[in-house]
Amino acid sequence: MKQKSRADRRAEVRFIGEVVNIDGETAALQVYPQYCDGLREIGSYSHLIILYWAHQRDNEYERQTTMVFPRRHGRRISTGVFACRSPSRPNPVCFCVVELLEVEGCRLKVKGLDAELGSPIVDIKPYHPHSDSIPDAKFPEWVLNRTHG
């Protein structure tokens, strides 16, 4: 029997909730009841890292994407998908740092989420300023040019 290559291996992702409302800069995330206990003490944090599934890009065409033009930055130069944050990628996992505004049961109200309505939530992690912020990080200048979105 031929052994599968590493690229052919599969993993199971269990969504823990979904984006249920978007109102301007704020959004509501509903965590499924079986994962609600995982929110205990989350209100102690001002910011969270939300990992979500770009479900509108989950198709074979988008998953074959390796080169993109980063539109939010007005970039007209083809860029490798792993050198930008395009939702079109081999695995449409995206993340966003958000401000936590409110916790009500299994629902989180956040500010700054860039997901779409109905986007499945893959994971929620607390933002830790000591390990999640690199003050002297290097990045290309075009990243600072945000044209829209």
N, C-alpha and C. Protein backbone atom coordinates (compact mmCIF):
# COMPACT_ATOMS: atom_id res chain seq x y z
N MET A 1 0.84 -1.19 0.00
CA MET A 1 0.00 0.00 0.00
C MET A 1 0.88 1.25 0.00
N LYS A 2 0.58 2.15 -0.89
CA LYS A 2 1.35 3.39 -1.00
C LYS A 2 1.04 4.32 0.16
N GLN A 3 2.08 4.84 0.78
CA GLN A 3 1.91 5.77 1.89
C GLN A 3 1.55 7.16 1.35
N LYS A 4 0.62 7.82 2.01
CA LYS A 4 0.21 9.17 1.61
C LYS A 4 1.35 10.15 1.87
N SER A 5 1.52 11.10 0.95
CA SER A 5 2.51 12.15 1.18
C SER A 5 1.97 13.08 2.26
N ARG A 6 2.83 13.86 2.83
CA ARG A 6 2.40 14.80 3.88
C ARG A 6 1.34 15.77 3.33
N ALA A 7 1.45 16.16 2.08
CA ALA A 7 0.48 17.09 1.48
C ALA A 7 -0.90 16.47 1.31
N ASP A 8 -0.98 15.14 1.29
CA ASP A 8 -2.26 14.46 1.12
C ASP A 8 -2.94 14.12 2.44
N ARG A 9 -2.28 14.37 3.54
CA ARG A 9 -2.87 14.06 4.84
C ARG A 9 -4.03 14.99 5.15
N ARG A 10 -4.96 14.51 5.92
CA ARG A 10 -6.14 15.28 6.28
C ARG A 10 -6.20 15.46 7.80
N ALA A 11 -6.83 16.52 8.21
CA ALA A 11 -7.06 16.78 9.62
C ALA A 11 -8.51 17.21 9.77
N GLU A 12 -9.05 16.98 10.92
CA GLU A 12 -10.43 17.39 11.17
C GLU A 12 -10.44 18.67 11.99
N VAL A 13 -11.16 19.66 11.50
CA VAL A 13 -11.33 20.91 12.23
C VAL A 13 -12.76 20.94 12.74
N ARG A 14 -12.91 21.20 14.02
CA ARG A 14 -14.25 21.31 14.61
C ARG A 14 -14.53 22.77 14.87
N PHE A 15 -15.53 23.30 14.21
CA PHE A 15 -15.90 24.69 14.42
C PHE A 15 -16.53 24.82 15.81
N ILE A 16 -16.17 25.89 16.51
CA ILE A 16 -16.66 26.08 17.87
C ILE A 16 -17.79 27.09 17.96
N GLY A 17 -18.10 27.74 16.85
CA GLY A 17 -19.16 28.74 16.83
C GLY A 17 -19.21 29.40 15.48
N GLU A 18 -19.91 30.55 15.41
CA GLU A 18 -20.01 31.26 14.14
C GLU A 18 -20.30 32.73 14.37
N VAL A 19 -20.06 33.52 13.34
CA VAL A 19 -20.39 34.95 13.36
C VAL A 19 -21.88 35.05 13.09
N VAL A 20 -22.63 35.57 14.06
CA VAL A 20 -24.10 35.61 13.92
C VAL A 20 -24.65 37.01 13.67
N ASN A 21 -23.83 38.03 13.84
CA ASN A 21 -24.30 39.39 13.59
C ASN A 21 -23.11 40.29 13.31
N ILE A 22 -23.30 41.20 12.36
CA ILE A 22 -22.31 42.24 12.09
C ILE A 22 -23.07 43.54 11.98
N ASP A 23 -22.64 44.52 12.78
CA ASP A 23 -23.30 45.83 12.80
C ASP A 23 -22.22 46.90 12.80
N GLY A 24 -21.85 47.36 11.62
CA GLY A 24 -20.77 48.34 11.52
C GLY A 24 -19.45 47.73 11.94
N GLU A 25 -18.82 48.33 12.95
CA GLU A 25 -17.52 47.84 13.43
C GLU A 25 -17.65 46.73 14.47
N THR A 26 -18.87 46.44 14.91
CA THR A 26 -19.04 45.40 15.93
C THR A 26 -19.63 44.14 15.32
N ALA A 27 -19.35 43.03 15.99
CA ALA A 27 -19.87 41.74 15.54
C ALA A 27 -20.19 40.90 16.76
N ALA A 28 -21.09 39.94 16.57
CA ALA A 28 -21.43 38.99 17.63
C ALA A 28 -20.99 37.61 17.18
N LEU A 29 -20.31 36.92 18.07
CA LEU A 29 -19.89 35.54 17.85
C LEU A 29 -20.67 34.66 18.80
N GLN A 30 -21.29 33.63 18.27
CA GLN A 30 -22.02 32.67 19.09
C GLN A 30 -21.18 31.41 19.21
N VAL A 31 -20.78 31.08 20.42
CA VAL A 31 -20.03 29.86 20.67
C VAL A 31 -21.05 28.76 20.94
N TYR A 32 -20.85 27.60 20.32
CA TYR A 32 -21.78 26.49 20.47
C TYR A 32 -21.80 26.02 21.93
N PRO A 33 -22.96 25.56 22.42
CA PRO A 33 -23.12 25.20 23.83
C PRO A 33 -22.06 24.24 24.37
N GLN A 34 -21.65 23.27 23.59
CA GLN A 34 -20.67 22.29 24.09
C GLN A 34 -19.28 22.89 24.32
N TYR A 35 -19.05 24.12 23.82
CA TYR A 35 -17.76 24.78 24.02
C TYR A 35 -17.86 26.01 24.91
N CYS A 36 -19.03 26.31 25.39
CA CYS A 36 -19.28 27.52 26.17
C CYS A 36 -18.44 27.59 27.45
N ASP A 37 -18.20 26.46 28.09
CA ASP A 37 -17.36 26.47 29.30
C ASP A 37 -15.96 27.00 29.00
N GLY A 38 -15.52 26.87 27.76
CA GLY A 38 -14.20 27.36 27.37
C GLY A 38 -14.08 28.88 27.42
N LEU A 39 -15.19 29.57 27.59
CA LEU A 39 -15.17 31.03 27.68
C LEU A 39 -14.93 31.54 29.10
N ARG A 40 -14.89 30.63 30.06
CA ARG A 40 -14.71 31.05 31.46
C ARG A 40 -13.45 31.90 31.61
N GLU A 41 -13.57 33.06 32.20
CA GLU A 41 -12.51 34.03 32.46
C GLU A 41 -12.09 34.84 31.22
N ILE A 42 -12.74 34.62 30.09
CA ILE A 42 -12.36 35.35 28.88
C ILE A 42 -12.63 36.85 29.02
N GLY A 43 -13.60 37.21 29.85
CA GLY A 43 -13.91 38.62 30.07
C GLY A 43 -12.80 39.38 30.77
N SER A 44 -11.77 38.69 31.24
CA SER A 44 -10.62 39.34 31.86
C SER A 44 -9.70 39.97 30.83
N TYR A 45 -9.91 39.65 29.56
CA TYR A 45 -9.06 40.15 28.49
C TYR A 45 -9.75 41.29 27.73
N SER A 46 -8.97 42.24 27.27
CA SER A 46 -9.52 43.32 26.46
C SER A 46 -9.53 42.97 24.98
N HIS A 47 -8.63 42.08 24.56
CA HIS A 47 -8.50 41.73 23.16
C HIS A 47 -8.36 40.21 23.00
N LEU A 48 -8.87 39.73 21.87
CA LEU A 48 -8.82 38.30 21.56
C LEU A 48 -8.29 38.10 20.15
N ILE A 49 -7.77 36.91 19.91
CA ILE A 49 -7.40 36.50 18.56
C ILE A 49 -8.48 35.51 18.11
N ILE A 50 -9.15 35.84 17.03
CA ILE A 50 -10.22 34.99 16.50
C ILE A 50 -9.69 34.31 15.25
N LEU A 51 -9.70 32.98 15.24
CA LEU A 51 -9.38 32.21 14.05
C LEU A 51 -10.70 31.77 13.45
N TYR A 52 -10.89 32.05 12.18
CA TYR A 52 -12.15 31.71 11.54
C TYR A 52 -11.90 31.12 10.17
N TRP A 53 -12.92 30.46 9.65
CA TRP A 53 -12.86 29.78 8.35
C TRP A 53 -13.50 30.69 7.31
N ALA A 54 -12.74 31.03 6.27
CA ALA A 54 -13.25 31.87 5.20
C ALA A 54 -14.13 31.00 4.30
N HIS A 55 -15.32 30.71 4.79
CA HIS A 55 -16.22 29.73 4.15
C HIS A 55 -16.62 30.10 2.73
N GLN A 56 -16.63 31.38 2.42
CA GLN A 56 -16.99 31.79 1.06
C GLN A 56 -15.85 31.55 0.06
N ARG A 57 -14.68 31.21 0.57
CA ARG A 57 -13.53 30.92 -0.29
C ARG A 57 -13.17 29.43 -0.24
N ASP A 58 -14.01 28.63 0.39
CA ASP A 58 -13.72 27.21 0.55
C ASP A 58 -14.22 26.43 -0.67
N ASN A 59 -13.45 26.50 -1.74
CA ASN A 59 -13.74 25.73 -2.95
C ASN A 59 -12.40 25.39 -3.61
N GLU A 60 -12.40 24.45 -4.51
CA GLU A 60 -11.15 23.97 -5.11
C GLU A 60 -10.40 25.08 -5.84
N TYR A 61 -11.10 25.96 -6.51
CA TYR A 61 -10.44 27.05 -7.23
C TYR A 61 -9.65 27.93 -6.26
N GLU A 62 -10.31 28.42 -5.20
CA GLU A 62 -9.66 29.31 -4.24
C GLU A 62 -8.54 28.59 -3.48
N ARG A 63 -8.72 27.29 -3.22
CA ARG A 63 -7.72 26.53 -2.49
C ARG A 63 -6.46 26.24 -3.32
N GLN A 64 -6.52 26.49 -4.62
CA GLN A 64 -5.34 26.33 -5.48
C GLN A 64 -4.52 27.62 -5.57
N THR A 65 -5.01 28.68 -4.94
CA THR A 65 -4.37 29.99 -5.01
C THR A 65 -3.01 29.97 -4.32
N THR A 66 -1.99 30.41 -5.05
CA THR A 66 -0.66 30.58 -4.45
C THR A 66 -0.13 31.99 -4.66
N MET A 67 -0.71 32.74 -5.60
CA MET A 67 -0.29 34.11 -5.87
C MET A 67 -1.53 35.02 -5.86
N VAL A 68 -1.40 36.21 -5.26
CA VAL A 68 -2.52 37.14 -5.16
C VAL A 68 -2.02 38.58 -5.33
N PHE A 69 -2.97 39.50 -5.49
CA PHE A 69 -2.71 40.93 -5.47
C PHE A 69 -3.39 41.46 -4.21
N PRO A 70 -2.65 41.79 -3.15
CA PRO A 70 -3.26 42.26 -1.90
C PRO A 70 -4.05 43.55 -2.11
N ARG A 71 -5.35 43.42 -2.28
CA ARG A 71 -6.22 44.54 -2.62
C ARG A 71 -6.33 45.60 -1.54
N ARG A 72 -6.39 45.19 -0.29
CA ARG A 72 -6.54 46.17 0.79
C ARG A 72 -5.38 47.14 0.87
N HIS A 73 -4.29 46.78 0.27
CA HIS A 73 -3.10 47.62 0.35
C HIS A 73 -2.78 48.28 -0.99
N GLY A 74 -3.69 48.20 -1.95
CA GLY A 74 -3.48 48.83 -3.24
C GLY A 74 -2.30 48.24 -3.99
N ARG A 75 -1.95 47.03 -3.67
CA ARG A 75 -0.78 46.37 -4.25
C ARG A 75 -1.13 45.81 -5.62
N ARG A 76 -0.36 46.19 -6.62
CA ARG A 76 -0.58 45.71 -7.98
C ARG A 76 0.54 44.76 -8.41
N ILE A 77 1.26 44.25 -7.44
CA ILE A 77 2.34 43.32 -7.72
C ILE A 77 1.93 41.96 -7.17
N SER A 78 2.06 40.95 -8.00
CA SER A 78 1.72 39.59 -7.59
C SER A 78 2.56 39.20 -6.38
N THR A 79 1.88 38.70 -5.35
CA THR A 79 2.51 38.37 -4.08
C THR A 79 2.14 36.95 -3.69
N GLY A 80 3.07 36.21 -3.13
CA GLY A 80 2.79 34.86 -2.65
C GLY A 80 1.76 34.88 -1.55
N VAL A 81 0.83 33.94 -1.59
CA VAL A 81 -0.28 33.92 -0.63
C VAL A 81 0.21 33.81 0.82
N PHE A 82 1.38 33.19 1.01
CA PHE A 82 1.90 33.06 2.37
C PHE A 82 2.62 34.33 2.84
N ALA A 83 2.74 35.31 1.94
CA ALA A 83 3.37 36.59 2.28
C ALA A 83 2.31 37.68 2.45
N CYS A 84 1.04 37.28 2.54
CA CYS A 84 -0.04 38.24 2.76
C CYS A 84 -1.18 37.52 3.48
N ARG A 85 -2.26 38.22 3.70
CA ARG A 85 -3.38 37.66 4.48
C ARG A 85 -4.63 37.44 3.65
N SER A 86 -4.47 37.12 2.40
CA SER A 86 -5.62 36.85 1.55
C SER A 86 -6.43 35.68 2.09
N PRO A 87 -7.77 35.75 2.04
CA PRO A 87 -8.58 34.61 2.45
C PRO A 87 -8.57 33.48 1.42
N SER A 88 -8.12 33.76 0.21
CA SER A 88 -7.97 32.72 -0.82
C SER A 88 -6.61 32.07 -0.60
N ARG A 89 -6.63 30.81 -0.17
CA ARG A 89 -5.39 30.11 0.18
C ARG A 89 -5.68 28.62 0.27
N PRO A 90 -4.66 27.78 0.32
CA PRO A 90 -4.90 26.33 0.36
C PRO A 90 -5.81 25.88 1.51
N ASN A 91 -5.69 26.49 2.67
CA ASN A 91 -6.59 26.26 3.79
C ASN A 91 -7.13 27.62 4.20
N PRO A 92 -8.42 27.88 4.01
CA PRO A 92 -8.95 29.22 4.25
C PRO A 92 -9.14 29.56 5.73
N VAL A 93 -8.04 29.42 6.49
CA VAL A 93 -8.05 29.79 7.90
C VAL A 93 -7.55 31.22 7.99
N CYS A 94 -8.33 32.07 8.61
CA CYS A 94 -7.97 33.48 8.77
C CYS A 94 -7.97 33.82 10.26
N PHE A 95 -7.32 34.91 10.59
CA PHE A 95 -7.38 35.35 11.98
C PHE A 95 -7.44 36.86 12.05
N CYS A 96 -7.92 37.33 13.19
CA CYS A 96 -8.10 38.75 13.40
C CYS A 96 -7.98 39.04 14.89
N VAL A 97 -7.31 40.11 15.23
CA VAL A 97 -7.26 40.56 16.62
C VAL A 97 -8.43 41.52 16.81
N VAL A 98 -9.25 41.25 17.80
CA VAL A 98 -10.45 42.06 18.05
C VAL A 98 -10.45 42.58 19.48
N GLU A 99 -11.21 43.64 19.68
CA GLU A 99 -11.45 44.14 21.03
C GLU A 99 -12.69 43.45 21.58
N LEU A 100 -12.58 42.89 22.76
CA LEU A 100 -13.73 42.25 23.40
C LEU A 100 -14.56 43.31 24.11
N LEU A 101 -15.80 43.48 23.68
CA LEU A 101 -16.68 44.50 24.26
C LEU A 101 -17.59 43.94 25.34
N GLU A 102 -18.04 42.69 25.15
CA GLU A 102 -19.05 42.14 26.06
C GLU A 102 -19.07 40.62 25.96
N VAL A 103 -19.31 39.98 27.09
CA VAL A 103 -19.54 38.53 27.13
C VAL A 103 -20.90 38.32 27.76
N GLU A 104 -21.78 37.64 27.04
CA GLU A 104 -23.11 37.34 27.56
C GLU A 104 -23.41 35.88 27.27
N GLY A 105 -23.23 35.04 28.28
CA GLY A 105 -23.42 33.60 28.09
C GLY A 105 -22.41 33.06 27.10
N CYS A 106 -22.92 32.48 26.03
CA CYS A 106 -22.07 31.90 24.99
C CYS A 106 -21.84 32.87 23.82
N ARG A 107 -22.17 34.13 24.01
CA ARG A 107 -22.05 35.12 22.94
C ARG A 107 -21.02 36.17 23.31
N LEU A 108 -20.17 36.50 22.33
CA LEU A 108 -19.17 37.54 22.50
C LEU A 108 -19.49 38.69 21.55
N LYS A 109 -19.45 39.90 22.07
CA LYS A 109 -19.57 41.08 21.22
C LYS A 109 -18.16 41.64 21.08
N VAL A 110 -17.72 41.81 19.83
CA VAL A 110 -16.35 42.24 19.57
C VAL A 110 -16.32 43.41 18.60
N LYS A 111 -15.20 44.10 18.57
CA LYS A 111 -15.00 45.21 17.65
C LYS A 111 -13.77 44.92 16.80
N GLY A 112 -13.91 45.12 15.48
CA GLY A 112 -12.77 44.98 14.59
C GLY A 112 -12.64 43.66 13.87
N LEU A 113 -13.68 42.84 13.89
CA LEU A 113 -13.63 41.55 13.21
C LEU A 113 -13.76 41.76 11.71
N ASP A 114 -12.92 41.07 10.92
CA ASP A 114 -13.00 41.22 9.47
C ASP A 114 -13.60 39.99 8.78
N ALA A 115 -14.28 39.15 9.53
CA ALA A 115 -14.94 37.96 8.97
C ALA A 115 -16.29 38.35 8.38
N GLU A 116 -16.88 37.43 7.65
CA GLU A 116 -18.20 37.63 7.05
C GLU A 116 -19.28 37.01 7.95
N LEU A 117 -20.50 37.45 7.80
CA LEU A 117 -21.63 36.86 8.50
C LEU A 117 -21.69 35.37 8.18
N GLY A 118 -21.83 34.54 9.18
CA GLY A 118 -21.90 33.10 8.97
C GLY A 118 -20.55 32.41 8.98
N SER A 119 -19.46 33.17 9.08
CA SER A 119 -18.14 32.54 9.11
C SER A 119 -18.02 31.64 10.33
N PRO A 120 -17.62 30.37 10.13
CA PRO A 120 -17.41 29.48 11.26
C PRO A 120 -16.17 29.91 12.06
N ILE A 121 -16.26 29.80 13.37
CA ILE A 121 -15.14 30.12 14.25
C ILE A 121 -14.36 28.84 14.49
N VAL A 122 -13.05 28.90 14.22
CA VAL A 122 -12.17 27.75 14.42
C VAL A 122 -11.64 27.73 15.86
N ASP A 123 -11.26 28.91 16.37
CA ASP A 123 -10.71 28.97 17.72
C ASP A 123 -10.72 30.41 18.20
N ILE A 124 -10.63 30.57 19.51
CA ILE A 124 -10.53 31.87 20.16
C ILE A 124 -9.36 31.78 21.11
N LYS A 125 -8.47 32.75 21.03
CA LYS A 125 -7.31 32.78 21.93
C LYS A 125 -7.20 34.17 22.54
N PRO A 126 -6.75 34.24 23.78
CA PRO A 126 -6.55 35.56 24.38
C PRO A 126 -5.32 36.23 23.78
N TYR A 127 -5.41 37.54 23.63
CA TYR A 127 -4.26 38.32 23.15
C TYR A 127 -3.35 38.59 24.34
N HIS A 128 -2.09 38.20 24.22
CA HIS A 128 -1.09 38.43 25.27
C HIS A 128 -0.07 39.43 24.74
N PRO A 129 -0.02 40.64 25.26
CA PRO A 129 0.87 41.66 24.71
C PRO A 129 2.35 41.30 24.77
N HIS A 130 2.76 40.49 25.70
CA HIS A 130 4.18 40.13 25.80
C HIS A 130 4.61 39.14 24.73
N SER A 131 3.72 38.24 24.35
CA SER A 131 4.09 37.23 23.35
C SER A 131 3.49 37.48 21.98
N ASP A 132 2.44 38.28 21.87
CA ASP A 132 1.76 38.50 20.59
C ASP A 132 2.13 39.82 19.92
N SER A 133 2.93 40.62 20.55
CA SER A 133 3.35 41.90 19.97
C SER A 133 4.86 41.93 19.87
N ILE A 134 5.35 42.22 18.67
CA ILE A 134 6.78 42.32 18.44
C ILE A 134 7.06 43.75 17.98
N PRO A 135 7.47 44.64 18.88
CA PRO A 135 7.63 46.05 18.54
C PRO A 135 8.59 46.33 17.38
N ASP A 136 9.63 45.53 17.24
CA ASP A 136 10.62 45.79 16.18
C ASP A 136 10.50 44.82 15.02
N ALA A 137 9.29 44.29 14.80
CA ALA A 137 9.07 43.34 13.70
C ALA A 137 9.32 44.01 12.36
N LYS A 138 9.84 43.25 11.42
CA LYS A 138 10.12 43.75 10.07
C LYS A 138 8.97 43.34 9.14
N PHE A 139 8.58 44.25 8.24
CA PHE A 139 7.51 43.97 7.28
C PHE A 139 7.68 44.88 6.08
N PRO A 140 7.12 44.50 4.92
CA PRO A 140 7.25 45.36 3.75
C PRO A 140 6.43 46.65 3.89
N GLU A 141 6.92 47.71 3.29
CA GLU A 141 6.27 49.02 3.41
C GLU A 141 4.83 49.03 2.88
N TRP A 142 4.53 48.22 1.86
CA TRP A 142 3.18 48.23 1.28
C TRP A 142 2.10 47.82 2.28
N VAL A 143 2.49 47.11 3.34
CA VAL A 143 1.52 46.68 4.36
C VAL A 143 0.88 47.89 5.05
N LEU A 144 1.60 49.00 5.13
CA LEU A 144 1.08 50.20 5.79
C LEU A 144 0.06 50.94 4.95
N ASN A 145 0.00 50.68 3.66
CA ASN A 145 -0.93 51.35 2.75
C ASN A 145 -2.23 50.58 2.68
N ARG A 146 -3.17 50.92 3.52
CA ARG A 146 -4.48 50.24 3.53
C ARG A 146 -5.48 51.13 2.80
N THR A 147 -5.91 50.70 1.63
CA THR A 147 -6.78 51.53 0.80
C THR A 147 -8.26 51.41 1.13
N HIS A 148 -8.70 50.24 1.56
CA HIS A 148 -10.11 50.04 1.91
C HIS A 148 -10.28 48.73 2.67
N GLY A 149 -11.48 48.50 3.20
CA GLY A 149 -11.82 47.23 3.85
C GLY A 149 -11.44 47.16 5.28
